[in-house]
Amino acid sequence: MDLERESRWEKDAMTVEIVFALVTAVALAAAVFAVALTLAPAFGISGSAKKSVLAGGGTLLGAAAGMWRLVRVLLRFDKQRRLGR
């Protein structure tokens, strides 16, 4: 019996955790983008400045927040897996 191989349960748990990380990362990125989308008209930003706020603030911050969430969830799962939880 090979003790280094992962069981089916461990593979399923990893798959669920990856999907959870992706879904929550997309949700967080969308929420950050939505905040930037609502802040632009709230402060009276229009024209090319509005495009800059949406492209810079919304897209980049949304992507950064999503990646942060993805990495954080997967690292937490790996740490718990190594501890045997």
Protein backbone atom coordinates (compact mmCIF):
# COMPACT_ATOMS: atom_id res chain seq x y z
CA MET A 1 0.00 0.00 0.00
CA ASP A 2 1.38 3.36 -1.02
CA LEU A 3 1.03 5.80 1.88
CA GLU A 4 2.13 8.80 -0.18
CA ARG A 5 -0.83 8.58 -2.54
CA GLU A 6 -3.88 10.64 -1.71
CA SER A 7 -7.17 8.95 -1.03
CA ARG A 8 -10.28 9.65 -3.05
CA TRP A 9 -11.68 11.67 -0.12
CA GLU A 10 -8.60 13.91 -0.09
CA LYS A 11 -8.85 14.51 -3.83
CA ASP A 12 -12.54 15.37 -3.51
CA ALA A 13 -11.80 17.73 -0.62
CA MET A 14 -9.14 19.48 -2.70
CA THR A 15 -11.54 19.84 -5.62
CA VAL A 16 -14.24 21.32 -3.40
CA GLU A 17 -11.75 23.72 -1.83
CA ILE A 18 -10.46 24.87 -5.22
CA VAL A 19 -14.00 25.52 -6.47
CA PHE A 20 -14.85 27.34 -3.23
CA ALA A 21 -11.73 29.49 -3.58
CA LEU A 22 -12.54 30.35 -7.20
CA VAL A 23 -16.19 31.19 -6.51
CA THR A 24 -15.41 33.40 -3.52
CA ALA A 25 -12.56 35.10 -5.39
CA VAL A 26 -14.87 35.96 -8.29
CA ALA A 27 -17.54 37.20 -5.88
CA LEU A 28 -15.04 39.41 -4.05
CA ALA A 29 -13.65 40.78 -7.33
CA ALA A 30 -17.18 41.58 -8.53
CA ALA A 31 -18.00 43.30 -5.24
CA VAL A 32 -14.88 45.48 -5.42
CA PHE A 33 -15.67 46.36 -9.05
CA ALA A 34 -19.27 47.20 -8.09
CA VAL A 35 -18.03 49.55 -5.38
CA ALA A 36 -15.83 51.35 -7.91
CA LEU A 37 -18.77 51.45 -10.32
CA THR A 38 -21.02 53.10 -7.75
CA LEU A 39 -18.37 55.50 -6.45
CA ALA A 40 -17.76 57.05 -9.87
CA PRO A 41 -21.25 58.63 -10.18
CA ALA A 42 -21.44 59.30 -6.44
CA PHE A 43 -18.48 61.67 -6.66
CA GLY A 44 -19.64 63.16 -9.95
CA ILE A 45 -16.83 61.65 -12.01
CA SER A 46 -17.58 61.62 -15.74
CA GLY A 47 -15.89 61.35 -19.11
CA SER A 48 -12.41 59.91 -19.41
CA ALA A 49 -11.84 60.13 -15.66
CA LYS A 50 -14.77 57.74 -15.15
CA LYS A 51 -13.16 55.26 -17.54
CA SER A 52 -9.89 55.58 -15.64
CA VAL A 53 -11.60 54.99 -12.29
CA LEU A 54 -13.38 51.91 -13.62
CA ALA A 55 -10.34 50.53 -15.44
CA GLY A 56 -7.80 51.34 -12.76
CA GLY A 57 -9.72 51.17 -9.55
CA GLY A 58 -12.41 48.67 -10.39
CA THR A 59 -10.63 46.20 -12.58
CA LEU A 60 -7.19 46.21 -10.99
CA LEU A 61 -8.37 46.32 -7.40
CA GLY A 62 -11.03 43.72 -8.14
CA ALA A 63 -8.48 41.40 -9.72
CA ALA A 64 -6.03 41.94 -6.87
CA ALA A 65 -8.70 41.25 -4.24
CA GLY A 66 -9.80 38.13 -6.09
CA MET A 67 -6.27 36.78 -6.35
CA TRP A 68 -5.64 37.56 -2.68
CA ARG A 69 -8.75 35.59 -1.71
CA LEU A 70 -7.84 32.67 -3.96
CA VAL A 71 -4.31 32.37 -2.58
CA ARG A 72 -5.45 32.85 1.02
CA VAL A 73 -8.07 30.09 0.85
CA LEU A 74 -5.75 27.61 -0.85
CA LEU A 75 -2.87 28.28 1.55
CA ARG A 76 -5.20 27.88 4.53
CA PHE A 77 -6.44 24.56 3.13
CA ASP A 78 -2.89 23.33 2.53
CA LYS A 79 -1.87 24.27 6.07
CA GLN A 80 -4.85 22.42 7.55
CA ARG A 81 -4.18 19.41 5.32
CA ARG A 82 -0.56 19.23 6.48
CA LEU A 83 -1.68 19.38 10.10
CA GLY A 84 -4.02 16.46 9.46
CA ARG A 85 -7.31 18.24 10.02
